[in-house]
Amino acid sequence: MRIAHLGHAAVLIETADARILLDPGNLSTGWHGLTDLDAVLVTHGHPDHLDPEHLPALLAANPSARVLLEPSVLQQVQAGDLPPLGEGAAALAPEEQTAVGDVLVTAVGGQHAVIHRDIPRIGNVGFVLRSEGEPTFFHPGDSYETAPSGVDVVAMPSYGPWGALKETVDWVRAVGALEGFPIHDELLNDRGRGLISGRVDAMTGTRVLDLRGGASHDF
C-alpha cells in the first residue's frame, strides 16, 4: 500500500487495484489535478475536508470515481447546500462497507468531535481501508471517539479546535497502529508540527513518519 499525504487532511491511497483519495479540503492543493481515481471519500462536510470550490473539477476529471460521503453530507448535496458531486455520490453510514477495487472500505464512528458546547455537532465517519496482503489503514476525520482494532497505519490528526495533545496521545495509544503520520496540521507552524509528532512518537508505540509535501511511503 502506497500512501501520500497531500496536505492537511487529504490522503491518497494506492494498492494494486485501487486509487482512493480521502478528504480533499480547501486547506490543501496537493490533490488538485489528480486523475485515474477510483473513489473519493469524505469524512464530513467541513470545507477543510470537502472543498466545495475545487472538488467538482476533480470529479469532472475522474468521471468514473465513486464518491462516498458521510450521510449528512449527501443530504446537503441533495438539498443544494453543496455543489453536485455526480451520479456516483453515495452515503456510507457507520458500520457500512463497500468494495473499491481490491480495498474494503468500512465507515466507523458517527459524530464530529466537540468543538465547543455552543456549537452543534455534525456527522463524521472515519474510514478503515483493508486489502488482502496489505496493511490496514485508518483515517478518522475529525474525531478521537473511535479506535478500530487491527489498524496498522493511522492518519493522525495533529491539531484542531476540537483536539489537544493529551487526547491525541491517548487516542493513538488506543488505536495501537505500528506506524502513523500526521494530518490535519495546517493550523500549525513547523515547530508545532515537530512538537506534536515528537511527543506522539515518544509517548506511544506508534512510529510517526513525516509525509509532508506530498511525500509517499510504501507501507
Protein backbone atom coordinates (compact mmCIF):
# COMPACT_ATOMS: atom_id res chain seq x y z
CA MET A 1 0.00 0.00 0.00
CA ARG A 2 1.39 3.36 -1.07
CA ILE A 3 0.22 6.35 0.92
CA ALA A 4 0.78 10.03 0.16
CA HIS A 5 -0.17 12.97 2.37
CA LEU A 6 -1.38 15.72 0.03
CA GLY A 7 -1.78 18.42 2.66
CA HIS A 8 -3.93 18.89 5.76
CA ALA A 9 -6.47 16.02 5.80
CA ALA A 10 -6.06 14.91 2.17
CA VAL A 11 -4.55 11.42 1.76
CA LEU A 12 -4.05 9.33 -1.38
CA ILE A 13 -4.09 5.53 -1.03
CA GLU A 14 -2.84 3.27 -3.82
CA THR A 15 -2.99 -0.52 -3.96
CA ALA A 16 -2.61 -2.95 -6.85
CA ASP A 17 -6.20 -2.38 -7.94
CA ALA A 18 -7.40 0.89 -6.36
CA ARG A 19 -6.56 4.56 -6.18
CA ILE A 20 -8.52 6.32 -3.43
CA LEU A 21 -8.46 9.95 -2.27
CA LEU A 22 -9.68 10.91 1.18
CA ASP A 23 -10.81 14.35 2.41
CA PRO A 24 -9.84 16.78 -0.38
CA GLY A 25 -10.34 20.03 1.51
CA ASN A 26 -9.63 23.71 1.00
CA LEU A 27 -6.52 23.91 3.19
CA SER A 28 -4.52 21.88 0.69
CA THR A 29 -3.89 21.91 -3.05
CA GLY A 30 -1.80 18.76 -3.48
CA TRP A 31 -4.85 16.84 -4.66
CA HIS A 32 -5.75 19.30 -7.41
CA GLY A 33 -5.31 17.76 -10.84
CA LEU A 34 -5.32 14.11 -9.76
CA THR A 35 -6.60 11.63 -12.32
CA ASP A 36 -7.31 7.89 -12.51
CA LEU A 37 -9.10 7.90 -9.15
CA ASP A 38 -11.41 5.00 -8.33
CA ALA A 39 -13.04 6.70 -5.35
CA VAL A 40 -13.15 9.89 -3.31
CA LEU A 41 -14.04 9.51 0.38
CA VAL A 42 -15.25 12.40 2.55
CA THR A 43 -15.44 12.03 6.35
CA HIS A 44 -17.62 15.12 6.96
CA GLY A 45 -18.78 18.38 5.46
CA HIS A 46 -16.35 20.97 6.85
CA PRO A 47 -14.61 22.75 3.96
CA ASP A 48 -11.12 21.74 5.12
CA HIS A 49 -12.25 18.17 4.31
CA LEU A 50 -14.54 18.88 1.34
CA ASP A 51 -13.59 21.84 -0.83
CA PRO A 52 -16.83 22.97 -2.48
CA GLU A 53 -14.97 25.18 -4.96
CA HIS A 54 -12.45 22.74 -6.40
CA LEU A 55 -13.92 19.29 -5.77
CA PRO A 56 -16.35 19.44 -8.74
CA ALA A 57 -13.42 19.97 -11.12
CA LEU A 58 -11.61 16.99 -9.61
CA LEU A 59 -14.67 14.82 -10.12
CA ALA A 60 -15.08 16.05 -13.69
CA ALA A 61 -11.52 14.85 -14.33
CA ASN A 62 -12.38 11.49 -12.73
CA PRO A 63 -15.83 10.69 -14.11
CA SER A 64 -15.76 7.02 -13.11
CA ALA A 65 -14.73 7.69 -9.50
CA ARG A 66 -17.21 6.77 -6.79
CA VAL A 67 -17.88 9.44 -4.16
CA LEU A 68 -18.53 8.02 -0.69
CA LEU A 69 -19.80 10.52 1.85
CA GLU A 70 -20.80 10.76 5.49
CA PRO A 71 -24.62 10.60 5.21
CA SER A 72 -25.41 14.19 6.23
CA VAL A 73 -23.02 15.45 3.54
CA LEU A 74 -25.06 13.66 0.87
CA GLN A 75 -28.17 15.30 2.32
CA GLN A 76 -26.50 18.70 1.93
CA VAL A 77 -25.70 17.91 -1.69
CA GLN A 78 -29.28 16.81 -2.36
CA ALA A 79 -30.60 19.98 -0.68
CA GLY A 80 -28.39 22.17 -2.87
CA ASP A 81 -26.27 23.40 0.05
CA LEU A 82 -23.21 21.81 -1.57
CA PRO A 83 -22.44 21.55 -5.30
CA PRO A 84 -23.48 18.39 -7.20
CA LEU A 85 -20.96 15.59 -6.80
CA GLY A 86 -22.06 13.38 -9.67
CA GLU A 87 -24.24 10.33 -10.06
CA GLY A 88 -21.66 8.21 -8.26
CA ALA A 89 -22.15 10.00 -4.95
CA ALA A 90 -23.49 7.78 -2.17
CA ALA A 91 -23.67 7.79 1.60
CA LEU A 92 -21.66 5.35 3.71
CA ALA A 93 -23.06 5.24 7.23
CA PRO A 94 -21.23 3.93 10.29
CA GLU A 95 -20.57 0.17 10.13
CA GLU A 96 -21.45 0.02 6.43
CA GLN A 97 -18.93 -1.42 3.98
CA THR A 98 -18.25 -1.30 0.27
CA ALA A 99 -15.52 -2.56 -2.02
CA VAL A 100 -13.42 -0.26 -4.20
CA GLY A 101 -11.25 -2.46 -6.37
CA ASP A 102 -9.30 -4.69 -4.02
CA VAL A 103 -9.99 -2.43 -1.00
CA LEU A 104 -12.77 -3.00 1.52
CA VAL A 105 -13.89 0.38 2.89
CA THR A 106 -15.66 0.42 6.27
CA ALA A 107 -17.18 3.54 7.81
CA VAL A 108 -16.86 3.89 11.59
CA GLY A 109 -17.77 6.42 14.25
CA GLY A 110 -20.63 8.79 13.59
CA GLN A 111 -20.06 12.21 15.15
CA HIS A 112 -17.57 15.03 14.83
CA ALA A 113 -15.56 15.85 17.95
CA VAL A 114 -16.92 18.55 20.23
CA ILE A 115 -15.54 21.96 19.21
CA HIS A 116 -17.46 23.88 21.88
CA ARG A 117 -20.65 23.13 23.79
CA ASP A 118 -22.34 26.05 21.98
CA ILE A 119 -21.51 24.67 18.52
CA PRO A 120 -23.84 21.88 17.32
CA ARG A 121 -22.09 18.64 16.46
CA ILE A 122 -22.25 17.29 12.93
CA GLY A 123 -21.80 13.83 11.47
CA ASN A 124 -18.32 12.38 10.95
CA VAL A 125 -17.25 8.93 9.80
CA GLY A 126 -13.77 7.54 9.87
CA PHE A 127 -12.74 5.17 7.09
CA VAL A 128 -10.93 1.87 7.59
CA LEU A 129 -9.33 0.52 4.41
CA ARG A 130 -8.40 -3.15 4.19
CA SER A 131 -6.90 -5.11 1.31
CA GLU A 132 -5.62 -8.68 1.38
CA GLY A 133 -1.87 -8.77 1.84
CA GLU A 134 -1.74 -5.03 2.63
CA PRO A 135 -1.63 -3.13 5.91
CA THR A 136 -4.93 -1.84 7.30
CA PHE A 137 -5.26 1.95 7.16
CA PHE A 138 -7.46 4.26 9.24
CA HIS A 139 -8.41 7.90 8.60
CA PRO A 140 -10.58 9.21 11.47
CA GLY A 141 -11.72 12.53 10.03
CA ASP A 142 -12.28 14.89 12.96
CA SER A 143 -12.89 12.54 15.86
CA TYR A 144 -11.00 10.61 18.51
CA GLU A 145 -14.05 8.65 19.69
CA THR A 146 -13.42 5.51 17.62
CA ALA A 147 -10.37 3.26 17.75
CA PRO A 148 -10.91 0.28 15.41
CA SER A 149 -8.97 -2.89 16.05
CA GLY A 150 -6.35 -4.29 13.72
CA VAL A 151 -5.10 -0.96 12.33
CA ASP A 152 -1.52 -1.00 11.02
CA VAL A 153 -1.22 2.58 9.71
CA VAL A 154 -3.08 5.56 11.14
CA ALA A 155 -3.56 9.08 9.81
CA MET A 156 -3.10 11.10 12.99
CA PRO A 157 -4.82 14.49 13.33
CA SER A 158 -2.17 16.77 14.82
CA TYR A 159 -4.23 19.76 15.83
CA GLY A 160 -7.69 21.25 15.52
CA PRO A 161 -10.04 23.47 17.51
CA TRP A 162 -11.55 20.21 18.78
CA GLY A 163 -8.37 18.44 19.91
CA ALA A 164 -5.50 18.60 22.39
CA LEU A 165 -2.20 16.75 22.71
CA LYS A 166 -3.39 14.71 25.70
CA GLU A 167 -6.30 13.42 23.61
CA THR A 168 -4.09 12.76 20.61
CA VAL A 169 -1.67 10.64 22.62
CA ASP A 170 -4.41 8.61 24.31
CA TRP A 171 -6.21 8.01 21.01
CA VAL A 172 -3.04 6.91 19.18
CA ARG A 173 -2.36 4.52 22.07
CA ALA A 174 -5.91 3.15 21.79
CA VAL A 175 -5.62 2.58 18.03
CA GLY A 176 -2.29 0.83 18.54
CA ALA A 177 -1.06 1.13 14.95
CA LEU A 178 2.53 0.17 14.17
CA GLU A 179 3.04 3.31 12.08
CA GLY A 180 1.32 6.62 11.51
CA PHE A 181 1.75 10.05 10.02
CA PRO A 182 0.39 13.49 10.93
CA ILE A 183 -2.56 15.02 9.13
CA HIS A 184 -4.83 17.98 9.98
CA ASP A 185 -1.73 20.08 10.53
CA GLU A 186 -2.22 23.27 8.51
CA LEU A 187 -3.06 25.26 11.65
CA LEU A 188 0.44 24.54 12.99
CA ASN A 189 3.79 26.03 12.06
CA ASP A 190 6.81 23.79 11.63
CA ARG A 191 7.77 23.99 15.30
CA GLY A 192 4.27 22.99 16.31
CA ARG A 193 4.27 20.08 13.89
CA GLY A 194 7.57 18.86 15.28
CA LEU A 195 6.38 19.18 18.87
CA ILE A 196 3.21 17.14 18.32
CA SER A 197 4.88 14.46 16.21
CA GLY A 198 7.78 14.14 18.63
CA ARG A 199 5.52 13.73 21.63
CA VAL A 200 3.33 11.13 19.97
CA ASP A 201 6.36 9.20 18.71
CA ALA A 202 7.92 9.21 22.19
CA MET A 203 4.78 8.52 24.21
CA THR A 204 3.08 5.79 22.13
CA GLY A 205 4.07 2.57 20.44
CA THR A 206 3.36 4.08 17.02
CA ARG A 207 6.29 5.13 14.85
CA VAL A 208 5.46 8.56 13.45
CA LEU A 209 6.59 9.30 9.88
CA ASP A 210 6.70 12.69 8.17
CA LEU A 211 4.92 12.65 4.81
CA ARG A 212 4.62 16.40 4.36
CA GLY A 213 4.98 17.96 0.95
CA GLY A 214 3.19 15.19 -0.91
CA ALA A 215 5.77 12.57 0.03
CA SER A 216 4.59 8.99 -0.44
CA HIS A 217 5.61 5.93 1.51
CA ASP A 218 5.16 2.23 0.82
CA PHE A 219 3.70 0.60 3.91
